[in-house]
Amino acid sequence: MLQEPAVLARYEEFGSVTCCAHGCVHVQLGHTVMVLTEEQYLRFVAMLADSAASFEFLRDDSRRGDYGNG
């Protein structure tokens, strides 16, 4: 007996994150779908959070004109 997937997030015209009855997390972006275990999903989210923080740091540096040239 499968239940409906639980929608964790949905951004219209971008993608969604759902959790199925088997406990897998389905990350859909456009035509790409990743199916992850709960552990893999949480690690993926941590990796994205780290990369977003690094991206913001790099973006702030480029706005100041500081490109690592001492």
N, C-alpha and C. Protein backbone atom coordinates (compact mmCIF):
# COMPACT_ATOMS: atom_id res chain seq x y z
N MET A 1 0.83 -1.18 0.00
CA MET A 1 0.00 0.00 0.00
C MET A 1 0.88 1.24 0.00
N LEU A 2 1.01 1.87 -1.13
CA LEU A 2 1.81 3.09 -1.24
C LEU A 2 0.95 4.31 -0.95
N GLN A 3 1.53 5.23 -0.21
CA GLN A 3 0.84 6.48 0.07
C GLN A 3 1.28 7.51 -0.95
N GLU A 4 0.54 8.60 -0.99
CA GLU A 4 0.95 9.73 -1.84
C GLU A 4 2.28 10.27 -1.33
N PRO A 5 3.14 10.75 -2.23
CA PRO A 5 4.40 11.35 -1.77
C PRO A 5 4.13 12.60 -0.94
N ALA A 6 4.93 12.78 0.10
CA ALA A 6 4.84 14.00 0.91
C ALA A 6 5.66 15.08 0.21
N VAL A 7 5.03 16.20 -0.07
CA VAL A 7 5.73 17.30 -0.73
C VAL A 7 6.46 18.11 0.34
N LEU A 8 7.79 18.13 0.24
CA LEU A 8 8.61 18.88 1.18
C LEU A 8 8.80 20.32 0.71
N ALA A 9 8.87 20.50 -0.60
CA ALA A 9 9.01 21.84 -1.19
C ALA A 9 8.64 21.76 -2.66
N ARG A 10 8.05 22.84 -3.14
CA ARG A 10 7.74 22.91 -4.58
C ARG A 10 7.86 24.35 -5.01
N TYR A 11 8.69 24.59 -6.02
CA TYR A 11 8.84 25.92 -6.62
C TYR A 11 8.32 25.81 -8.04
N GLU A 12 7.20 26.46 -8.29
CA GLU A 12 6.60 26.39 -9.62
C GLU A 12 7.61 26.75 -10.70
N GLU A 13 7.58 26.00 -11.78
CA GLU A 13 8.46 26.19 -12.94
C GLU A 13 9.93 26.07 -12.58
N PHE A 14 10.26 25.38 -11.48
CA PHE A 14 11.66 25.15 -11.12
C PHE A 14 11.89 23.72 -10.69
N GLY A 15 11.21 23.27 -9.63
CA GLY A 15 11.42 21.91 -9.17
C GLY A 15 10.68 21.61 -7.89
N SER A 16 10.92 20.41 -7.37
CA SER A 16 10.26 19.99 -6.15
C SER A 16 11.10 18.98 -5.40
N VAL A 17 10.76 18.81 -4.13
CA VAL A 17 11.38 17.79 -3.29
C VAL A 17 10.23 17.05 -2.62
N THR A 18 10.20 15.73 -2.80
CA THR A 18 9.16 14.91 -2.19
C THR A 18 9.79 13.72 -1.49
N CYS A 19 9.04 13.15 -0.57
CA CYS A 19 9.48 11.94 0.14
C CYS A 19 8.44 10.87 -0.13
N CYS A 20 8.87 9.72 -0.63
CA CYS A 20 7.94 8.65 -0.97
C CYS A 20 7.70 7.73 0.23
N ALA A 21 6.77 6.81 0.08
CA ALA A 21 6.42 5.87 1.14
C ALA A 21 7.59 4.98 1.54
N HIS A 22 8.56 4.83 0.65
CA HIS A 22 9.73 4.01 0.94
C HIS A 22 10.80 4.77 1.71
N GLY A 23 10.57 6.07 1.95
CA GLY A 23 11.53 6.88 2.69
C GLY A 23 12.58 7.53 1.82
N CYS A 24 12.49 7.38 0.52
CA CYS A 24 13.44 8.02 -0.39
C CYS A 24 13.01 9.47 -0.64
N VAL A 25 14.00 10.32 -0.83
CA VAL A 25 13.73 11.72 -1.14
C VAL A 25 13.99 11.91 -2.62
N HIS A 26 13.01 12.48 -3.32
CA HIS A 26 13.10 12.71 -4.76
C HIS A 26 13.27 14.20 -4.99
N VAL A 27 14.43 14.58 -5.53
CA VAL A 27 14.73 15.98 -5.85
C VAL A 27 14.59 16.13 -7.35
N GLN A 28 13.65 16.95 -7.79
CA GLN A 28 13.39 17.12 -9.21
C GLN A 28 13.66 18.57 -9.60
N LEU A 29 14.54 18.75 -10.57
CA LEU A 29 14.85 20.06 -11.14
C LEU A 29 14.70 19.92 -12.65
N GLY A 30 13.71 20.56 -13.20
CA GLY A 30 13.47 20.41 -14.63
C GLY A 30 13.21 18.95 -14.96
N HIS A 31 13.97 18.41 -15.91
CA HIS A 31 13.80 17.02 -16.32
C HIS A 31 14.72 16.08 -15.54
N THR A 32 15.49 16.61 -14.60
CA THR A 32 16.42 15.80 -13.83
C THR A 32 15.83 15.44 -12.47
N VAL A 33 15.93 14.16 -12.12
CA VAL A 33 15.43 13.69 -10.83
C VAL A 33 16.54 12.91 -10.14
N MET A 34 16.78 13.25 -8.88
CA MET A 34 17.71 12.49 -8.04
C MET A 34 16.88 11.79 -6.97
N VAL A 35 17.13 10.50 -6.78
CA VAL A 35 16.46 9.75 -5.74
C VAL A 35 17.52 9.40 -4.70
N LEU A 36 17.32 9.89 -3.48
CA LEU A 36 18.33 9.78 -2.43
C LEU A 36 17.75 9.13 -1.19
N THR A 37 18.61 8.43 -0.46
CA THR A 37 18.19 7.96 0.85
C THR A 37 18.11 9.18 1.77
N GLU A 38 17.52 9.01 2.93
CA GLU A 38 17.43 10.12 3.88
C GLU A 38 18.82 10.65 4.24
N GLU A 39 19.76 9.75 4.50
CA GLU A 39 21.13 10.16 4.83
C GLU A 39 21.79 10.91 3.67
N GLN A 40 21.63 10.40 2.46
CA GLN A 40 22.22 11.06 1.30
C GLN A 40 21.61 12.44 1.11
N TYR A 41 20.29 12.55 1.29
CA TYR A 41 19.62 13.83 1.12
C TYR A 41 20.13 14.86 2.13
N LEU A 42 20.23 14.47 3.39
CA LEU A 42 20.70 15.41 4.41
C LEU A 42 22.14 15.83 4.15
N ARG A 43 22.95 14.91 3.67
CA ARG A 43 24.34 15.26 3.33
C ARG A 43 24.38 16.18 2.11
N PHE A 44 23.52 15.93 1.14
CA PHE A 44 23.41 16.77 -0.06
C PHE A 44 23.01 18.19 0.34
N VAL A 45 22.02 18.31 1.22
CA VAL A 45 21.57 19.62 1.69
C VAL A 45 22.71 20.35 2.40
N ALA A 46 23.48 19.64 3.24
CA ALA A 46 24.62 20.25 3.93
C ALA A 46 25.65 20.74 2.92
N MET A 47 25.90 19.94 1.88
CA MET A 47 26.86 20.33 0.85
C MET A 47 26.38 21.58 0.12
N LEU A 48 25.08 21.64 -0.20
CA LEU A 48 24.54 22.82 -0.87
C LEU A 48 24.62 24.05 0.03
N ALA A 49 24.34 23.88 1.31
CA ALA A 49 24.43 25.01 2.24
C ALA A 49 25.87 25.52 2.31
N ASP A 50 26.84 24.63 2.38
CA ASP A 50 28.25 25.03 2.39
C ASP A 50 28.62 25.75 1.10
N SER A 51 28.16 25.21 -0.02
CA SER A 51 28.51 25.84 -1.30
C SER A 51 27.84 27.20 -1.44
N ALA A 52 26.61 27.35 -0.93
CA ALA A 52 25.93 28.65 -0.98
C ALA A 52 26.68 29.68 -0.15
N ALA A 53 27.18 29.27 1.01
CA ALA A 53 27.95 30.19 1.85
C ALA A 53 29.24 30.60 1.13
N SER A 54 29.91 29.66 0.51
CA SER A 54 31.13 29.97 -0.24
C SER A 54 30.82 30.88 -1.42
N PHE A 55 29.72 30.61 -2.10
CA PHE A 55 29.31 31.41 -3.25
C PHE A 55 29.06 32.85 -2.82
N GLU A 56 28.34 33.04 -1.72
CA GLU A 56 28.07 34.39 -1.22
C GLU A 56 29.37 35.11 -0.87
N PHE A 57 30.32 34.39 -0.27
CA PHE A 57 31.62 34.98 0.07
C PHE A 57 32.34 35.43 -1.19
N LEU A 58 32.37 34.57 -2.22
CA LEU A 58 33.03 34.92 -3.48
C LEU A 58 32.32 36.08 -4.16
N ARG A 59 31.00 36.06 -4.13
CA ARG A 59 30.22 37.13 -4.75
C ARG A 59 30.47 38.46 -4.06
N ASP A 60 30.54 38.45 -2.73
CA ASP A 60 30.82 39.68 -1.98
C ASP A 60 32.22 40.21 -2.32
N ASP A 61 33.20 39.31 -2.44
CA ASP A 61 34.56 39.72 -2.81
C ASP A 61 34.58 40.36 -4.19
N SER A 62 33.86 39.77 -5.14
CA SER A 62 33.89 40.31 -6.50
C SER A 62 33.20 41.67 -6.56
N ARG A 63 32.20 41.87 -5.74
CA ARG A 63 31.53 43.18 -5.71
C ARG A 63 32.45 44.26 -5.14
N ARG A 64 33.33 43.87 -4.23
CA ARG A 64 34.27 44.85 -3.65
C ARG A 64 35.49 45.04 -4.54
N GLY A 65 35.63 44.21 -5.56
CA GLY A 65 36.79 44.32 -6.42
C GLY A 65 38.00 43.57 -5.87
N ASP A 66 37.78 42.78 -4.81
CA ASP A 66 38.85 42.00 -4.19
C ASP A 66 38.84 40.60 -4.81
N TYR A 67 39.75 40.36 -5.69
CA TYR A 67 39.82 39.09 -6.39
C TYR A 67 40.97 38.24 -5.88
N GLY A 68 41.32 38.42 -4.61
CA GLY A 68 42.41 37.63 -4.03
C GLY A 68 43.78 38.13 -4.42
N ASN A 69 43.91 39.37 -4.83
CA ASN A 69 45.19 39.93 -5.25
C ASN A 69 45.86 40.72 -4.14
N GLY A 70 45.73 40.21 -2.90
CA GLY A 70 46.39 40.80 -1.73
C GLY A 70 46.20 42.23 -1.65
